[in-house]
């Protein structure tokens, strides 16, 4: 709790300087960072207010990559509040910008977010489609952060479809990447999912 209060204090000092110097770009960045702090503390409604302030400024300054990032953050907050339709609205808006700017990593992250949202909405096939599209971006860019999650989630959707052979293949891929990163939490979850295969 203390570290968040201190971080918030310094961020608010920074934004005050931004207002004094009349630097809208700096003010927007500070608003976005304050939103991150409130999000980490679980104060989602306050976080959304700060993200939307930042988003408005980024739009006015025609900074599409920052607009996409901030729009993605707003979508994630709606997801955390279980407002999945609203989350999808922001994710799709951010995805459109990512595609326009050629930001493949933002596109990848949004495909994952959209897949996760569709999965909890019970739309497994559409979720799987987005996970595969994310996997294709991993393959084409060589980017690896979160690749274990992508393979794991593909395995889960395939398992739900009772496509056990493919599910096992993706769980094994996910496990390999998690082992490489020494991600014990993900390894535990993957082992659990692998165990479920043999109960079907």
C-alpha atoms as a PDB file:
ATOM      1  CA  UNK A   1       0.000   0.000   0.000  1.00  0.00           C
ATOM      2  CA  UNK A   2       2.770   2.418   0.982  1.00  0.00           C
ATOM      3  CA  UNK A   3       4.683   2.051  -2.272  1.00  0.00           C
ATOM      4  CA  UNK A   4       1.558   2.865  -4.295  1.00  0.00           C
ATOM      5  CA  UNK A   5       0.871   5.965  -2.183  1.00  0.00           C
ATOM      6  CA  UNK A   6       4.433   7.154  -2.694  1.00  0.00           C
ATOM      7  CA  UNK A   7       4.318   6.445  -6.425  1.00  0.00           C
ATOM      8  CA  UNK A   8       1.033   8.347  -6.673  1.00  0.00           C
ATOM      9  CA  UNK A   9       2.482  11.300  -4.771  1.00  0.00           C
ATOM     10  CA  UNK A  10       5.406  11.598  -7.201  1.00  0.00           C
ATOM     11  CA  UNK A  11       3.191  11.143 -10.261  1.00  0.00           C
ATOM     12  CA  UNK A  12       0.924  13.949  -9.058  1.00  0.00           C
ATOM     13  CA  UNK A  13       3.930  16.201  -8.519  1.00  0.00           C
ATOM     14  CA  UNK A  14       5.028  15.393 -12.059  1.00  0.00           C
ATOM     15  CA  UNK A  15       1.627  16.254 -13.505  1.00  0.00           C
ATOM     16  CA  UNK A  16       1.605  19.562 -11.617  1.00  0.00           C
ATOM     17  CA  UNK A  17       4.869  20.464 -13.346  1.00  0.00           C
ATOM     18  CA  UNK A  18       3.300  19.481 -16.668  1.00  0.00           C
ATOM     19  CA  UNK A  19       0.440  21.920 -16.072  1.00  0.00           C
ATOM     20  CA  UNK A  20       2.874  24.655 -15.007  1.00  0.00           C
ATOM     21  CA  UNK A  21       4.910  24.214 -18.189  1.00  0.00           C
ATOM     22  CA  UNK A  22       1.768  23.722 -20.310  1.00  0.00           C
ATOM     23  CA  UNK A  23       3.066  20.411 -21.701  1.00  0.00           C
ATOM     24  CA  UNK A  24      -0.037  18.429 -22.774  1.00  0.00           C
ATOM     25  CA  UNK A  25       2.046  15.451 -23.917  1.00  0.00           C
ATOM     26  CA  UNK A  26       3.669  15.138 -20.480  1.00  0.00           C
ATOM     27  CA  UNK A  27       0.305  15.650 -18.749  1.00  0.00           C
ATOM     28  CA  UNK A  28      -1.223  12.812 -20.795  1.00  0.00           C
ATOM     29  CA  UNK A  29       1.674  10.479 -19.989  1.00  0.00           C
ATOM     30  CA  UNK A  30       1.299  11.304 -16.291  1.00  0.00           C
ATOM     31  CA  UNK A  31      -2.463  10.702 -16.427  1.00  0.00           C
ATOM     32  CA  UNK A  32      -1.796   7.330 -18.050  1.00  0.00           C
ATOM     33  CA  UNK A  33       0.775   6.441 -15.366  1.00  0.00           C
ATOM     34  CA  UNK A  34      -1.580   7.508 -12.561  1.00  0.00           C
ATOM     35  CA  UNK A  35      -4.214   5.292 -14.184  1.00  0.00           C
ATOM     36  CA  UNK A  36      -1.737   2.398 -14.015  1.00  0.00           C
ATOM     37  CA  UNK A  37      -1.264   2.962 -10.271  1.00  0.00           C
ATOM     38  CA  UNK A  38      -4.997   3.039  -9.539  1.00  0.00           C
ATOM     39  CA  UNK A  39      -5.443  -0.061 -11.700  1.00  0.00           C
ATOM     40  CA  UNK A  40      -2.752  -1.891  -9.683  1.00  0.00           C
ATOM     41  CA  UNK A  41      -4.587  -0.925  -6.484  1.00  0.00           C
ATOM     42  CA  UNK A  42      -7.887  -2.199  -7.844  1.00  0.00           C
ATOM     43  CA  UNK A  43      -9.543   1.220  -8.111  1.00  0.00           C
ATOM     44  CA  UNK A  44     -10.800   0.595 -11.621  1.00  0.00           C
ATOM     45  CA  UNK A  45     -13.331   3.426 -11.918  1.00  0.00           C
ATOM     46  CA  UNK A  46     -10.723   6.025 -10.938  1.00  0.00           C
ATOM     47  CA  UNK A  47      -8.163   4.404 -13.239  1.00  0.00           C
ATOM     48  CA  UNK A  48     -10.560   4.594 -16.185  1.00  0.00           C
ATOM     49  CA  UNK A  49     -11.060   8.330 -15.573  1.00  0.00           C
ATOM     50  CA  UNK A  50      -7.303   8.927 -15.789  1.00  0.00           C
ATOM     51  CA  UNK A  51      -6.912   6.709 -18.853  1.00  0.00           C
ATOM     52  CA  UNK A  52      -9.728   8.550 -20.630  1.00  0.00           C
ATOM     53  CA  UNK A  53      -8.106  11.916 -19.854  1.00  0.00           C
ATOM     54  CA  UNK A  54      -4.849  10.639 -21.329  1.00  0.00           C
ATOM     55  CA  UNK A  55      -6.669   9.118 -24.294  1.00  0.00           C
ATOM     56  CA  UNK A  56      -8.386  12.394 -25.169  1.00  0.00           C
ATOM     57  CA  UNK A  57      -5.062  14.248 -25.174  1.00  0.00           C
ATOM     58  CA  UNK A  58      -3.270  11.586 -27.234  1.00  0.00           C
ATOM     59  CA  UNK A  59      -6.104  11.755 -29.779  1.00  0.00           C
ATOM     60  CA  UNK A  60      -5.935  15.557 -29.915  1.00  0.00           C
ATOM     61  CA  UNK A  61      -2.160  15.362 -30.453  1.00  0.00           C
ATOM     62  CA  UNK A  62      -2.543  12.705 -33.168  1.00  0.00           C
ATOM     63  CA  UNK A  63      -0.357  10.083 -31.463  1.00  0.00           C
ATOM     64  CA  UNK A  64      -1.954   6.845 -32.725  1.00  0.00           C
ATOM     65  CA  UNK A  65       0.386   4.376 -31.015  1.00  0.00           C
ATOM     66  CA  UNK A  66      -0.234   5.960 -27.632  1.00  0.00           C
ATOM     67  CA  UNK A  67      -3.948   6.099 -28.434  1.00  0.00           C
ATOM     68  CA  UNK A  68      -3.879   2.341 -29.132  1.00  0.00           C
ATOM     69  CA  UNK A  69      -1.983   1.606 -25.912  1.00  0.00           C
ATOM     70  CA  UNK A  70      -4.319   3.709 -23.793  1.00  0.00           C
ATOM     71  CA  UNK A  71      -7.435   2.329 -25.503  1.00  0.00           C
ATOM     72  CA  UNK A  72      -6.141  -1.199 -24.813  1.00  0.00           C
ATOM     73  CA  UNK A  73      -5.678  -0.285 -21.131  1.00  0.00           C
ATOM     74  CA  UNK A  74      -9.267   0.972 -20.888  1.00  0.00           C
ATOM     75  CA  UNK A  75     -10.487  -2.272 -22.442  1.00  0.00           C
ATOM     76  CA  UNK A  76      -8.508  -4.286 -19.898  1.00  0.00           C
ATOM     77  CA  UNK A  77     -10.134  -2.384 -17.038  1.00  0.00           C
ATOM     78  CA  UNK A  78     -13.599  -3.127 -18.409  1.00  0.00           C
ATOM     79  CA  UNK A  79     -12.537  -6.781 -18.699  1.00  0.00           C
ATOM     80  CA  UNK A  80     -11.493  -6.778 -15.029  1.00  0.00           C
ATOM     81  CA  UNK A  81     -14.935  -5.377 -14.171  1.00  0.00           C
ATOM     82  CA  UNK A  82     -16.521  -8.212 -16.196  1.00  0.00           C
ATOM     83  CA  UNK A  83     -18.017  -5.729 -18.647  1.00  0.00           C
ATOM     84  CA  UNK A  84     -16.965  -7.857 -21.584  1.00  0.00           C
ATOM     85  CA  UNK A  85     -18.963  -6.093 -24.295  1.00  0.00           C
ATOM     86  CA  UNK A  86     -17.374  -2.769 -23.374  1.00  0.00           C
ATOM     87  CA  UNK A  87     -13.943  -4.408 -23.207  1.00  0.00           C
ATOM     88  CA  UNK A  88     -14.417  -5.782 -26.730  1.00  0.00           C
ATOM     89  CA  UNK A  89     -15.443  -2.346 -27.969  1.00  0.00           C
ATOM     90  CA  UNK A  90     -12.171  -0.817 -26.778  1.00  0.00           C
ATOM     91  CA  UNK A  91     -10.044  -3.786 -27.846  1.00  0.00           C
ATOM     92  CA  UNK A  92     -11.433  -3.680 -31.379  1.00  0.00           C
ATOM     93  CA  UNK A  93     -10.902   0.082 -31.584  1.00  0.00           C
ATOM     94  CA  UNK A  94      -7.293  -0.339 -30.428  1.00  0.00           C
ATOM     95  CA  UNK A  95      -6.759  -3.226 -32.865  1.00  0.00           C
ATOM     96  CA  UNK A  96      -7.903  -1.079 -35.785  1.00  0.00           C
ATOM     97  CA  UNK A  97      -5.290   1.550 -34.863  1.00  0.00           C
ATOM     98  CA  UNK A  98      -2.565  -1.082 -34.380  1.00  0.00           C
ATOM     99  CA  UNK A  99      -3.289  -2.438 -37.864  1.00  0.00           C
ATOM    100  CA  UNK A 100      -3.202   1.066 -39.363  1.00  0.00           C
ATOM    101  CA  UNK A 101       0.158   1.861 -37.758  1.00  0.00           C
ATOM    102  CA  UNK A 102       1.711  -1.558 -38.384  1.00  0.00           C
ATOM    103  CA  UNK A 103       2.322  -2.128 -34.668  1.00  0.00           C
ATOM    104  CA  UNK A 104       2.597  -5.931 -34.711  1.00  0.00           C
ATOM    105  CA  UNK A 105       3.296  -6.357 -30.999  1.00  0.00           C
ATOM    106  CA  UNK A 106       0.264  -4.263 -30.017  1.00  0.00           C
ATOM    107  CA  UNK A 107      -1.742  -6.274 -32.555  1.00  0.00           C
ATOM    108  CA  UNK A 108      -0.487  -9.497 -30.962  1.00  0.00           C
ATOM    109  CA  UNK A 109      -1.377  -8.350 -27.430  1.00  0.00           C
ATOM    110  CA  UNK A 110      -4.827  -7.272 -28.565  1.00  0.00           C
ATOM    111  CA  UNK A 111      -5.450 -10.607 -30.285  1.00  0.00           C
ATOM    112  CA  UNK A 112      -4.654 -12.256 -26.949  1.00  0.00           C
ATOM    113  CA  UNK A 113      -6.940  -9.873 -25.045  1.00  0.00           C
ATOM    114  CA  UNK A 114      -9.769 -10.397 -27.525  1.00  0.00           C
ATOM    115  CA  UNK A 115      -9.248 -14.160 -27.344  1.00  0.00           C
ATOM    116  CA  UNK A 116      -9.393 -14.101 -23.541  1.00  0.00           C
ATOM    117  CA  UNK A 117     -12.581 -12.036 -23.590  1.00  0.00           C
ATOM    118  CA  UNK A 118     -14.277 -14.296 -26.121  1.00  0.00           C
ATOM    119  CA  UNK A 119     -13.234 -17.331 -24.064  1.00  0.00           C
ATOM    120  CA  UNK A 120     -14.944 -16.073 -20.900  1.00  0.00           C
ATOM    121  CA  UNK A 121     -17.976 -15.147 -23.010  1.00  0.00           C
ATOM    122  CA  UNK A 122     -18.200 -18.810 -24.017  1.00  0.00           C
ATOM    123  CA  UNK A 123     -17.164 -18.229 -27.640  1.00  0.00           C
ATOM    124  CA  UNK A 124     -14.394 -20.813 -27.703  1.00  0.00           C
ATOM    125  CA  UNK A 125     -14.046 -21.111 -31.485  1.00  0.00           C
ATOM    126  CA  UNK A 126     -13.627 -17.368 -31.974  1.00  0.00           C
ATOM    127  CA  UNK A 127     -11.215 -17.268 -29.034  1.00  0.00           C
ATOM    128  CA  UNK A 128      -9.156 -20.032 -30.652  1.00  0.00           C
ATOM    129  CA  UNK A 129      -9.094 -18.107 -33.952  1.00  0.00           C
ATOM    130  CA  UNK A 130      -7.613 -15.061 -32.204  1.00  0.00           C
ATOM    131  CA  UNK A 131      -5.053 -17.185 -30.336  1.00  0.00           C
ATOM    132  CA  UNK A 132      -3.930 -18.748 -33.625  1.00  0.00           C
ATOM    133  CA  UNK A 133      -3.651 -15.294 -35.187  1.00  0.00           C
ATOM    134  CA  UNK A 134      -1.529 -14.213 -32.220  1.00  0.00           C
ATOM    135  CA  UNK A 135       0.635 -17.312 -32.631  1.00  0.00           C
ATOM    136  CA  UNK A 136       1.205 -16.426 -36.296  1.00  0.00           C
ATOM    137  CA  UNK A 137       2.461 -12.993 -35.227  1.00  0.00           C
ATOM    138  CA  UNK A 138       4.823 -14.631 -32.716  1.00  0.00           C
ATOM    139  CA  UNK A 139       6.156 -16.817 -35.531  1.00  0.00           C
ATOM    140  CA  UNK A 140       6.574 -13.975 -38.028  1.00  0.00           C
ATOM    141  CA  UNK A 141       8.166 -11.474 -35.615  1.00  0.00           C
ATOM    142  CA  UNK A 142      10.295 -13.775 -33.454  1.00  0.00           C
ATOM    143  CA  UNK A 143       8.817 -12.078 -30.380  1.00  0.00           C
ATOM    144  CA  UNK A 144       8.539 -14.503 -27.447  1.00  0.00           C
ATOM    145  CA  UNK A 145       7.161 -12.689 -24.402  1.00  0.00           C
ATOM    146  CA  UNK A 146       3.879 -14.391 -23.451  1.00  0.00           C
ATOM    147  CA  UNK A 147       4.297 -17.172 -26.020  1.00  0.00           C
ATOM    148  CA  UNK A 148       3.814 -19.781 -23.299  1.00  0.00           C
ATOM    149  CA  UNK A 149       0.448 -18.209 -22.411  1.00  0.00           C
ATOM    150  CA  UNK A 150      -0.634 -18.247 -26.038  1.00  0.00           C
ATOM    151  CA  UNK A 151       0.176 -21.954 -26.427  1.00  0.00           C
ATOM    152  CA  UNK A 152      -1.449 -22.758 -23.086  1.00  0.00           C
ATOM    153  CA  UNK A 153      -4.665 -20.945 -23.993  1.00  0.00           C
ATOM    154  CA  UNK A 154      -4.750 -22.658 -27.370  1.00  0.00           C
ATOM    155  CA  UNK A 155      -4.411 -25.963 -25.544  1.00  0.00           C
ATOM    156  CA  UNK A 156      -7.313 -25.060 -23.256  1.00  0.00           C
ATOM    157  CA  UNK A 157      -9.645 -24.143 -26.137  1.00  0.00           C
ATOM    158  CA  UNK A 158      -8.695 -27.310 -28.008  1.00  0.00           C
ATOM    159  CA  UNK A 159      -9.289 -29.357 -24.870  1.00  0.00           C
ATOM    160  CA  UNK A 160     -12.766 -27.840 -24.551  1.00  0.00           C
ATOM    161  CA  UNK A 161     -13.432 -29.047 -28.096  1.00  0.00           C
ATOM    162  CA  UNK A 162     -12.140 -32.506 -27.014  1.00  0.00           C
ATOM    163  CA  UNK A 163      -9.332 -32.262 -29.570  1.00  0.00           C
ATOM    164  CA  UNK A 164      -7.010 -33.902 -27.089  1.00  0.00           C
ATOM    165  CA  UNK A 165      -4.070 -34.670 -29.396  1.00  0.00           C
ATOM    166  CA  UNK A 166      -3.730 -31.023 -30.479  1.00  0.00           C
ATOM    167  CA  UNK A 167      -4.334 -29.843 -26.923  1.00  0.00           C
ATOM    168  CA  UNK A 168      -1.469 -32.005 -25.646  1.00  0.00           C
ATOM    169  CA  UNK A 169       0.813 -30.687 -28.397  1.00  0.00           C
ATOM    170  CA  UNK A 170       0.189 -27.058 -27.406  1.00  0.00           C
ATOM    171  CA  UNK A 171       0.451 -27.806 -23.682  1.00  0.00           C
ATOM    172  CA  UNK A 172       3.872 -29.356 -24.347  1.00  0.00           C
ATOM    173  CA  UNK A 173       4.946 -26.273 -26.320  1.00  0.00           C
ATOM    174  CA  UNK A 174       3.675 -24.007 -23.536  1.00  0.00           C
ATOM    175  CA  UNK A 175       5.539 -26.066 -20.948  1.00  0.00           C
ATOM    176  CA  UNK A 176       8.796 -25.802 -22.892  1.00  0.00           C
ATOM    177  CA  UNK A 177       8.562 -22.000 -23.067  1.00  0.00           C
ATOM    178  CA  UNK A 178       7.595 -21.782 -19.374  1.00  0.00           C
ATOM    179  CA  UNK A 179      10.560 -23.985 -18.441  1.00  0.00           C
ATOM    180  CA  UNK A 180      12.858 -21.717 -20.443  1.00  0.00           C
ATOM    181  CA  UNK A 181      11.541 -18.702 -18.493  1.00  0.00           C
ATOM    182  CA  UNK A 182      11.384 -20.614 -15.178  1.00  0.00           C
ATOM    183  CA  UNK A 183       7.733 -19.545 -14.857  1.00  0.00           C
ATOM    184  CA  UNK A 184       6.695 -21.871 -12.040  1.00  0.00           C
ATOM    185  CA  UNK A 185       3.159 -20.513 -11.805  1.00  0.00           C
ATOM    186  CA  UNK A 186       2.429 -21.183 -15.469  1.00  0.00           C
ATOM    187  CA  UNK A 187       4.139 -24.577 -15.279  1.00  0.00           C
ATOM    188  CA  UNK A 188       1.836 -25.586 -12.426  1.00  0.00           C
ATOM    189  CA  UNK A 189      -1.244 -24.579 -14.417  1.00  0.00           C
ATOM    190  CA  UNK A 190      -0.047 -26.370 -17.555  1.00  0.00           C
ATOM    191  CA  UNK A 191       0.678 -29.591 -15.633  1.00  0.00           C
ATOM    192  CA  UNK A 192      -2.860 -29.383 -14.235  1.00  0.00           C
ATOM    193  CA  UNK A 193      -4.340 -28.980 -17.715  1.00  0.00           C
ATOM    194  CA  UNK A 194      -2.247 -31.863 -19.028  1.00  0.00           C
ATOM    195  CA  UNK A 195      -3.634 -34.021 -16.237  1.00  0.00           C
ATOM    196  CA  UNK A 196      -7.183 -33.186 -17.322  1.00  0.00           C
ATOM    197  CA  UNK A 197      -6.474 -34.643 -20.774  1.00  0.00           C
ATOM    198  CA  UNK A 198      -6.129 -38.121 -19.293  1.00  0.00           C
ATOM    199  CA  UNK A 199      -9.426 -37.812 -17.408  1.00  0.00           C
ATOM    200  CA  UNK A 200     -11.395 -37.344 -20.639  1.00  0.00           C
END
